[in-house]
Amino acid sequence: MLEIVKYPDPVLRQKSEEVKNPTDSKIKRLIADMTATLRAHEGLGLAAPQIGHSLQLCIIEVDDELFVLINPKVKNVSGEQVLMEEGCLSFPGKFLPIQRPKKIKIKALDANGKKQVIRAKGLLARVLQHEVDHLDGTLFIDRAKAENKVAV
């Protein structure tokens, strides 16, 4: 299990670097370790910066389905927004109401380096947006209304 980086560690604010060789054994090991860490912490998503690696890699597990996203790119989001409470493993015990698009479409590589397109709504759409934000150095507190940030 890997140690989760906590806010305000500077790695959480960095724009992550593209994964050059997604099928490299080091990346495969990192994905396996991230998956074990996510499950041990009972989280829904984990981005590489949260374990100290500034790489465009995140994993998500929603409804017992594991998604590995390497070099993800958001292609489309719905205009309809949904307000929902979010937490983050890098902010233990902190939850804030965050407004995000209801639906999202993302293109990424999977764990085998194959292209994938994920169209999501509901909880999966929210977690995808949260984790992809991490890869850009954006944290959920950045999306919270000012009056809610005092809780962090």
N, C-alpha and C. Protein backbone atom coordinates (compact mmCIF):
# COMPACT_ATOMS: atom_id res chain seq x y z
N MET A 1 0.84 -1.18 0.00
CA MET A 1 0.00 0.00 0.00
C MET A 1 0.89 1.24 0.00
N LEU A 2 0.45 2.25 -0.75
CA LEU A 2 1.21 3.49 -0.89
C LEU A 2 0.70 4.54 0.09
N GLU A 3 1.56 5.48 0.42
CA GLU A 3 1.16 6.58 1.29
C GLU A 3 0.45 7.64 0.46
N ILE A 4 -0.67 8.13 0.97
CA ILE A 4 -1.42 9.16 0.27
C ILE A 4 -0.91 10.53 0.69
N VAL A 5 -0.59 11.34 -0.31
CA VAL A 5 -0.11 12.71 -0.09
C VAL A 5 -1.27 13.56 0.41
N LYS A 6 -1.00 14.33 1.43
CA LYS A 6 -2.04 15.20 2.02
C LYS A 6 -1.81 16.65 1.62
N TYR A 7 -2.92 17.39 1.51
CA TYR A 7 -2.88 18.82 1.26
C TYR A 7 -2.18 19.49 2.43
N PRO A 8 -1.29 20.42 2.23
CA PRO A 8 -0.97 21.23 1.05
C PRO A 8 0.30 20.80 0.29
N ASP A 9 0.62 19.54 0.24
CA ASP A 9 1.82 19.10 -0.48
C ASP A 9 1.82 19.69 -1.90
N PRO A 10 2.93 20.28 -2.34
CA PRO A 10 2.98 20.94 -3.65
C PRO A 10 2.72 20.03 -4.85
N VAL A 11 2.96 18.73 -4.74
CA VAL A 11 2.71 17.83 -5.88
C VAL A 11 1.24 17.85 -6.28
N LEU A 12 0.36 18.15 -5.33
CA LEU A 12 -1.07 18.19 -5.62
C LEU A 12 -1.46 19.37 -6.51
N ARG A 13 -0.58 20.36 -6.61
CA ARG A 13 -0.87 21.56 -7.41
C ARG A 13 -0.15 21.55 -8.77
N GLN A 14 0.64 20.52 -9.03
CA GLN A 14 1.39 20.45 -10.29
C GLN A 14 0.53 19.87 -11.41
N LYS A 15 0.77 20.36 -12.63
CA LYS A 15 0.16 19.74 -13.81
C LYS A 15 0.97 18.48 -14.09
N SER A 16 0.31 17.35 -14.17
CA SER A 16 0.98 16.07 -14.34
C SER A 16 1.53 15.88 -15.74
N GLU A 17 2.59 15.09 -15.83
CA GLU A 17 3.22 14.79 -17.11
C GLU A 17 2.54 13.60 -17.78
N GLU A 18 2.53 13.63 -19.09
CA GLU A 18 1.96 12.53 -19.87
C GLU A 18 2.75 11.24 -19.62
N VAL A 19 2.04 10.13 -19.56
CA VAL A 19 2.68 8.82 -19.45
C VAL A 19 3.16 8.44 -20.85
N LYS A 20 4.48 8.29 -20.99
CA LYS A 20 5.06 8.03 -22.31
C LYS A 20 4.89 6.59 -22.76
N ASN A 21 5.05 5.65 -21.83
CA ASN A 21 4.97 4.23 -22.17
C ASN A 21 3.97 3.55 -21.23
N PRO A 22 2.68 3.56 -21.58
CA PRO A 22 1.64 3.05 -20.67
C PRO A 22 1.74 1.56 -20.36
N THR A 23 2.46 0.81 -21.17
CA THR A 23 2.57 -0.64 -20.91
C THR A 23 3.87 -1.00 -20.19
N ASP A 24 4.62 -0.01 -19.76
CA ASP A 24 5.87 -0.23 -19.02
C ASP A 24 5.57 -0.96 -17.71
N SER A 25 6.45 -1.84 -17.32
CA SER A 25 6.24 -2.63 -16.09
C SER A 25 6.13 -1.73 -14.85
N LYS A 26 6.82 -0.59 -14.84
CA LYS A 26 6.72 0.33 -13.69
C LYS A 26 5.32 0.93 -13.60
N ILE A 27 4.73 1.24 -14.73
CA ILE A 27 3.36 1.78 -14.74
C ILE A 27 2.37 0.70 -14.31
N LYS A 28 2.57 -0.52 -14.79
CA LYS A 28 1.69 -1.65 -14.38
C LYS A 28 1.75 -1.84 -12.86
N ARG A 29 2.96 -1.77 -12.29
CA ARG A 29 3.14 -1.93 -10.85
C ARG A 29 2.47 -0.78 -10.10
N LEU A 30 2.62 0.42 -10.65
CA LEU A 30 2.01 1.60 -10.03
C LEU A 30 0.48 1.47 -10.02
N ILE A 31 -0.09 0.99 -11.12
CA ILE A 31 -1.55 0.80 -11.20
C ILE A 31 -2.00 -0.23 -10.15
N ALA A 32 -1.27 -1.32 -10.03
CA ALA A 32 -1.61 -2.35 -9.04
C ALA A 32 -1.51 -1.80 -7.62
N ASP A 33 -0.45 -1.04 -7.34
CA ASP A 33 -0.28 -0.46 -6.01
C ASP A 33 -1.35 0.60 -5.71
N MET A 34 -1.68 1.40 -6.73
CA MET A 34 -2.73 2.40 -6.54
C MET A 34 -4.08 1.74 -6.28
N THR A 35 -4.35 0.65 -6.97
CA THR A 35 -5.62 -0.07 -6.77
C THR A 35 -5.70 -0.61 -5.36
N ALA A 36 -4.63 -1.21 -4.88
CA ALA A 36 -4.60 -1.74 -3.51
C ALA A 36 -4.78 -0.61 -2.49
N THR A 37 -4.13 0.51 -2.74
CA THR A 37 -4.23 1.67 -1.84
C THR A 37 -5.65 2.22 -1.83
N LEU A 38 -6.25 2.37 -3.00
CA LEU A 38 -7.61 2.88 -3.10
C LEU A 38 -8.57 1.99 -2.31
N ARG A 39 -8.44 0.70 -2.49
CA ARG A 39 -9.34 -0.24 -1.81
C ARG A 39 -9.10 -0.24 -0.30
N ALA A 40 -7.85 -0.14 0.13
CA ALA A 40 -7.54 -0.12 1.56
C ALA A 40 -8.15 1.12 2.23
N HIS A 41 -8.23 2.22 1.50
CA HIS A 41 -8.79 3.46 2.05
C HIS A 41 -10.28 3.62 1.74
N GLU A 42 -10.85 2.61 1.05
CA GLU A 42 -12.26 2.61 0.70
C GLU A 42 -12.67 3.87 -0.05
N GLY A 43 -11.79 4.29 -0.97
CA GLY A 43 -12.07 5.46 -1.79
C GLY A 43 -12.75 5.08 -3.08
N LEU A 44 -13.11 6.08 -3.86
CA LEU A 44 -13.73 5.87 -5.16
C LEU A 44 -12.75 6.16 -6.30
N GLY A 45 -11.76 6.99 -6.02
CA GLY A 45 -10.79 7.32 -7.05
C GLY A 45 -9.46 7.73 -6.43
N LEU A 46 -8.41 7.58 -7.23
CA LEU A 46 -7.07 7.94 -6.78
C LEU A 46 -6.25 8.35 -8.00
N ALA A 47 -5.65 9.53 -7.92
CA ALA A 47 -4.81 10.03 -9.00
C ALA A 47 -3.35 9.91 -8.60
N ALA A 48 -2.49 9.70 -9.59
CA ALA A 48 -1.06 9.51 -9.32
C ALA A 48 -0.45 10.63 -8.46
N PRO A 49 -0.82 11.91 -8.66
CA PRO A 49 -0.26 12.94 -7.78
C PRO A 49 -0.56 12.71 -6.30
N GLN A 50 -1.65 12.03 -6.01
CA GLN A 50 -2.02 11.77 -4.62
C GLN A 50 -1.11 10.75 -3.95
N ILE A 51 -0.29 10.08 -4.73
CA ILE A 51 0.69 9.16 -4.15
C ILE A 51 2.11 9.62 -4.52
N GLY A 52 2.21 10.91 -4.88
CA GLY A 52 3.51 11.53 -5.10
C GLY A 52 4.10 11.40 -6.49
N HIS A 53 3.33 10.94 -7.46
CA HIS A 53 3.81 10.79 -8.84
C HIS A 53 3.07 11.77 -9.74
N SER A 54 3.79 12.69 -10.33
CA SER A 54 3.17 13.69 -11.19
C SER A 54 3.00 13.13 -12.60
N LEU A 55 2.09 12.17 -12.72
CA LEU A 55 1.81 11.47 -13.97
C LEU A 55 0.32 11.54 -14.30
N GLN A 56 -0.01 11.55 -15.58
CA GLN A 56 -1.40 11.57 -16.05
C GLN A 56 -1.99 10.15 -15.94
N LEU A 57 -2.26 9.76 -14.71
CA LEU A 57 -2.77 8.42 -14.42
C LEU A 57 -3.71 8.50 -13.23
N CYS A 58 -4.89 7.91 -13.39
CA CYS A 58 -5.81 7.81 -12.26
C CYS A 58 -6.60 6.52 -12.37
N ILE A 59 -7.09 6.08 -11.23
CA ILE A 59 -7.93 4.89 -11.19
C ILE A 59 -9.22 5.25 -10.46
N ILE A 60 -10.28 4.59 -10.86
CA ILE A 60 -11.60 4.83 -10.28
C ILE A 60 -12.28 3.49 -10.10
N GLU A 61 -12.93 3.31 -8.98
CA GLU A 61 -13.72 2.10 -8.77
C GLU A 61 -15.10 2.51 -8.25
N VAL A 62 -16.09 2.34 -9.10
CA VAL A 62 -17.47 2.68 -8.78
C VAL A 62 -18.33 1.47 -9.13
N ASP A 63 -19.20 1.08 -8.21
CA ASP A 63 -20.10 -0.07 -8.42
C ASP A 63 -19.31 -1.32 -8.83
N ASP A 64 -18.20 -1.55 -8.14
CA ASP A 64 -17.35 -2.74 -8.36
C ASP A 64 -16.75 -2.81 -9.76
N GLU A 65 -16.72 -1.69 -10.48
CA GLU A 65 -16.07 -1.66 -11.79
C GLU A 65 -14.85 -0.75 -11.70
N LEU A 66 -13.69 -1.31 -12.08
CA LEU A 66 -12.43 -0.57 -12.01
C LEU A 66 -12.12 0.05 -13.36
N PHE A 67 -11.82 1.35 -13.33
CA PHE A 67 -11.42 2.08 -14.53
C PHE A 67 -9.99 2.58 -14.32
N VAL A 68 -9.13 2.33 -15.30
CA VAL A 68 -7.78 2.87 -15.32
C VAL A 68 -7.74 3.87 -16.46
N LEU A 69 -7.33 5.08 -16.16
CA LEU A 69 -7.25 6.14 -17.17
C LEU A 69 -5.83 6.66 -17.25
N ILE A 70 -5.23 6.49 -18.40
CA ILE A 70 -3.89 6.98 -18.66
C ILE A 70 -4.01 8.10 -19.69
N ASN A 71 -3.41 9.25 -19.39
CA ASN A 71 -3.46 10.43 -20.26
C ASN A 71 -4.90 10.80 -20.65
N PRO A 72 -5.81 10.91 -19.67
CA PRO A 72 -7.21 11.22 -20.01
C PRO A 72 -7.40 12.64 -20.51
N LYS A 73 -8.36 12.77 -21.41
CA LYS A 73 -8.75 14.08 -21.96
C LYS A 73 -10.27 14.18 -21.91
N VAL A 74 -10.77 15.25 -21.31
CA VAL A 74 -12.21 15.50 -21.29
C VAL A 74 -12.62 15.99 -22.67
N LYS A 75 -13.59 15.30 -23.28
CA LYS A 75 -14.05 15.65 -24.62
C LYS A 75 -15.36 16.41 -24.61
N ASN A 76 -16.18 16.18 -23.60
CA ASN A 76 -17.48 16.84 -23.56
C ASN A 76 -18.05 16.75 -22.16
N VAL A 77 -18.74 17.80 -21.74
CA VAL A 77 -19.49 17.77 -20.48
C VAL A 77 -20.87 18.36 -20.75
N SER A 78 -21.83 17.95 -19.98
CA SER A 78 -23.20 18.46 -20.15
C SER A 78 -23.30 19.85 -19.54
N GLY A 79 -24.26 20.60 -20.04
CA GLY A 79 -24.53 21.91 -19.47
C GLY A 79 -25.24 21.81 -18.13
N GLU A 80 -25.96 20.71 -17.95
CA GLU A 80 -26.70 20.51 -16.70
C GLU A 80 -25.73 20.21 -15.57
N GLN A 81 -25.89 20.92 -14.46
CA GLN A 81 -25.01 20.79 -13.30
C GLN A 81 -25.74 20.10 -12.15
N VAL A 82 -24.94 19.45 -11.30
CA VAL A 82 -25.48 18.78 -10.12
C VAL A 82 -24.62 19.15 -8.92
N LEU A 83 -25.27 19.50 -7.82
CA LEU A 83 -24.59 19.82 -6.57
C LEU A 83 -24.58 18.56 -5.70
N MET A 84 -23.38 18.18 -5.22
CA MET A 84 -23.25 16.97 -4.42
C MET A 84 -22.05 17.11 -3.50
N GLU A 85 -22.11 16.49 -2.36
CA GLU A 85 -20.99 16.53 -1.43
C GLU A 85 -19.86 15.65 -1.93
N GLU A 86 -18.63 16.17 -1.86
CA GLU A 86 -17.44 15.42 -2.26
C GLU A 86 -16.43 15.40 -1.14
N GLY A 87 -15.66 14.33 -1.13
CA GLY A 87 -14.52 14.23 -0.24
C GLY A 87 -13.30 13.90 -1.08
N CYS A 88 -12.15 13.80 -0.42
CA CYS A 88 -10.90 13.51 -1.13
C CYS A 88 -9.94 12.84 -0.16
N LEU A 89 -9.27 11.79 -0.63
CA LEU A 89 -8.32 11.07 0.23
C LEU A 89 -7.16 11.96 0.67
N SER A 90 -6.88 13.03 -0.06
CA SER A 90 -5.82 13.96 0.33
C SER A 90 -6.29 15.01 1.34
N PHE A 91 -7.59 14.97 1.66
CA PHE A 91 -8.21 15.85 2.67
C PHE A 91 -9.03 14.97 3.61
N PRO A 92 -8.38 14.14 4.43
CA PRO A 92 -9.13 13.19 5.26
C PRO A 92 -10.20 13.86 6.11
N GLY A 93 -11.41 13.31 6.04
CA GLY A 93 -12.51 13.77 6.87
C GLY A 93 -13.18 15.05 6.40
N LYS A 94 -12.74 15.63 5.30
CA LYS A 94 -13.32 16.88 4.80
C LYS A 94 -14.29 16.58 3.65
N PHE A 95 -15.46 17.16 3.72
CA PHE A 95 -16.48 17.00 2.68
C PHE A 95 -17.08 18.37 2.40
N LEU A 96 -17.22 18.70 1.11
CA LEU A 96 -17.77 19.98 0.70
C LEU A 96 -18.77 19.80 -0.42
N PRO A 97 -19.82 20.64 -0.48
CA PRO A 97 -20.74 20.58 -1.61
C PRO A 97 -20.06 21.18 -2.85
N ILE A 98 -20.04 20.42 -3.93
CA ILE A 98 -19.37 20.83 -5.17
C ILE A 98 -20.35 20.68 -6.32
N GLN A 99 -20.40 21.70 -7.17
CA GLN A 99 -21.26 21.65 -8.36
C GLN A 99 -20.40 21.22 -9.55
N ARG A 100 -20.88 20.21 -10.28
CA ARG A 100 -20.18 19.70 -11.45
C ARG A 100 -21.19 19.33 -12.54
N PRO A 101 -20.72 19.25 -13.79
CA PRO A 101 -21.59 18.77 -14.86
C PRO A 101 -22.13 17.37 -14.56
N LYS A 102 -23.36 17.14 -14.97
CA LYS A 102 -24.05 15.87 -14.71
C LYS A 102 -23.46 14.72 -15.53
N LYS A 103 -23.03 15.02 -16.78
CA LYS A 103 -22.51 13.98 -17.68
C LYS A 103 -21.14 14.41 -18.21
N ILE A 104 -20.35 13.40 -18.59
CA ILE A 104 -19.01 13.66 -19.12
C ILE A 104 -18.62 12.58 -20.13
N LYS A 105 -17.79 12.98 -21.06
CA LYS A 105 -17.20 12.04 -22.01
C LYS A 105 -15.68 12.25 -21.95
N ILE A 106 -14.97 11.15 -21.73
CA ILE A 106 -13.51 11.20 -21.60
C ILE A 106 -12.88 10.17 -22.54
N LYS A 107 -11.78 10.58 -23.16
CA LYS A 107 -10.95 9.64 -23.93
C LYS A 107 -9.66 9.44 -23.14
N ALA A 108 -9.20 8.20 -23.09
CA ALA A 108 -7.99 7.87 -22.35
C ALA A 108 -7.46 6.53 -22.86
N LEU A 109 -6.30 6.17 -22.37
CA LEU A 109 -5.78 4.83 -22.60
C LEU A 109 -6.12 4.00 -21.38
N ASP A 110 -6.35 2.70 -21.58
CA ASP A 110 -6.61 1.81 -20.45
C ASP A 110 -5.29 1.21 -19.95
N ALA A 111 -5.36 0.27 -19.03
CA ALA A 111 -4.17 -0.33 -18.43
C ALA A 111 -3.32 -1.09 -19.43
N ASN A 112 -3.89 -1.45 -20.58
CA ASN A 112 -3.14 -2.15 -21.63
C ASN A 112 -2.68 -1.22 -22.74
N GLY A 113 -2.88 0.08 -22.55
CA GLY A 113 -2.45 1.05 -23.54
C GLY A 113 -3.41 1.20 -24.71
N LYS A 114 -4.60 0.62 -24.59
CA LYS A 114 -5.60 0.69 -25.65
C LYS A 114 -6.49 1.91 -25.44
N LYS A 115 -6.91 2.54 -26.56
CA LYS A 115 -7.79 3.71 -26.48
C LYS A 115 -9.15 3.29 -25.95
N GLN A 116 -9.71 4.15 -25.12
CA GLN A 116 -11.05 3.92 -24.59
C GLN A 116 -11.80 5.25 -24.52
N VAL A 117 -13.10 5.17 -24.64
CA VAL A 117 -13.98 6.32 -24.48
C VAL A 117 -14.96 5.96 -23.36
N ILE A 118 -15.05 6.83 -22.39
CA ILE A 118 -15.97 6.60 -21.27
C ILE A 118 -17.01 7.72 -21.28
N ARG A 119 -18.26 7.33 -21.38
CA ARG A 119 -19.38 8.25 -21.25
C ARG A 119 -20.04 7.93 -19.91
N ALA A 120 -20.16 8.94 -19.07
CA ALA A 120 -20.65 8.66 -17.73
C ALA A 120 -21.61 9.74 -17.26
N LYS A 121 -22.46 9.33 -16.32
CA LYS A 121 -23.34 10.25 -15.62
C LYS A 121 -23.36 9.82 -14.16
N GLY A 122 -24.00 10.61 -13.33
CA GLY A 122 -24.12 10.26 -11.92
C GLY A 122 -22.80 10.24 -11.19
N LEU A 123 -22.67 9.30 -10.27
CA LEU A 123 -21.48 9.22 -9.42
C LEU A 123 -20.21 9.01 -10.23
N LEU A 124 -20.25 8.14 -11.23
CA LEU A 124 -19.05 7.90 -12.05
C LEU A 124 -18.60 9.18 -12.73
N ALA A 125 -19.52 9.97 -13.26
CA ALA A 125 -19.16 11.24 -13.91
C ALA A 125 -18.47 12.17 -12.92
N ARG A 126 -18.99 12.22 -11.70
CA ARG A 126 -18.41 13.09 -10.67
C ARG A 126 -17.00 12.64 -10.31
N VAL A 127 -16.81 11.35 -10.10
CA VAL A 127 -15.49 10.85 -9.71
C VAL A 127 -14.48 11.05 -10.85
N LEU A 128 -14.92 10.81 -12.08
CA LEU A 128 -14.04 11.06 -13.23
C LEU A 128 -13.56 12.51 -13.24
N GLN A 129 -14.49 13.44 -13.05
CA GLN A 129 -14.12 14.86 -13.06
C GLN A 129 -13.17 15.19 -11.91
N HIS A 130 -13.44 14.65 -10.75
CA HIS A 130 -12.60 14.91 -9.57
C HIS A 130 -11.17 14.42 -9.82
N GLU A 131 -11.04 13.20 -10.34
CA GLU A 131 -9.69 12.62 -10.54
C GLU A 131 -8.95 13.30 -11.68
N VAL A 132 -9.63 13.61 -12.78
CA VAL A 132 -8.97 14.31 -13.88
C VAL A 132 -8.53 15.70 -13.43
N ASP A 133 -9.32 16.35 -12.57
CA ASP A 133 -8.89 17.63 -11.99
C ASP A 133 -7.54 17.49 -11.29
N HIS A 134 -7.37 16.42 -10.53
CA HIS A 134 -6.10 16.19 -9.82
C HIS A 134 -4.92 16.23 -10.80
N LEU A 135 -5.10 15.69 -11.99
CA LEU A 135 -4.01 15.61 -12.96
C LEU A 135 -3.63 16.99 -13.50
N ASP A 136 -4.54 17.94 -13.36
CA ASP A 136 -4.27 19.33 -13.78
C ASP A 136 -3.86 20.21 -12.61
N GLY A 137 -3.75 19.64 -11.41
CA GLY A 137 -3.39 20.42 -10.24
C GLY A 137 -4.57 21.17 -9.63
N THR A 138 -5.78 20.79 -10.02
CA THR A 138 -7.00 21.40 -9.49
C THR A 138 -7.56 20.50 -8.40
N LEU A 139 -7.88 21.10 -7.26
CA LEU A 139 -8.41 20.34 -6.13
C LEU A 139 -9.89 20.66 -5.92
N PHE A 140 -10.58 19.76 -5.26
CA PHE A 140 -12.02 19.97 -5.08
C PHE A 140 -12.32 21.24 -4.30
N ILE A 141 -11.40 21.68 -3.45
CA ILE A 141 -11.62 22.93 -2.70
C ILE A 141 -11.64 24.12 -3.65
N ASP A 142 -10.97 24.00 -4.81
CA ASP A 142 -10.98 25.08 -5.80
C ASP A 142 -12.35 25.26 -6.43
N ARG A 143 -13.15 24.23 -6.40
CA ARG A 143 -14.49 24.27 -7.01
C ARG A 143 -15.59 24.58 -5.99
N ALA A 144 -15.20 24.67 -4.73
CA ALA A 144 -16.18 24.95 -3.67
C ALA A 144 -16.48 26.45 -3.60
N LYS A 145 -17.67 26.78 -3.15
CA LYS A 145 -18.03 28.17 -2.93
C LYS A 145 -17.20 28.70 -1.75
N ALA A 146 -16.91 29.98 -1.78
CA ALA A 146 -16.03 30.61 -0.77
C ALA A 146 -16.51 30.32 0.65
N GLU A 147 -17.81 30.39 0.89
CA GLU A 147 -18.31 30.21 2.26
C GLU A 147 -18.11 28.77 2.76
N ASN A 148 -17.92 27.82 1.84
CA ASN A 148 -17.70 26.44 2.26
C ASN A 148 -16.23 26.11 2.46
N LYS A 149 -15.33 26.94 1.94
CA LYS A 149 -13.89 26.67 2.03
C LYS A 149 -13.36 26.84 3.45
N VAL A 150 -14.08 27.55 4.29
CA VAL A 150 -13.60 27.74 5.67
C VAL A 150 -13.52 26.41 6.42
N ALA A 151 -14.20 25.39 5.92
CA ALA A 151 -14.20 24.08 6.58
C ALA A 151 -12.89 23.33 6.32
N VAL A 152 -12.07 23.80 5.37
CA VAL A 152 -10.84 23.07 5.02
C VAL A 152 -9.66 23.59 5.79
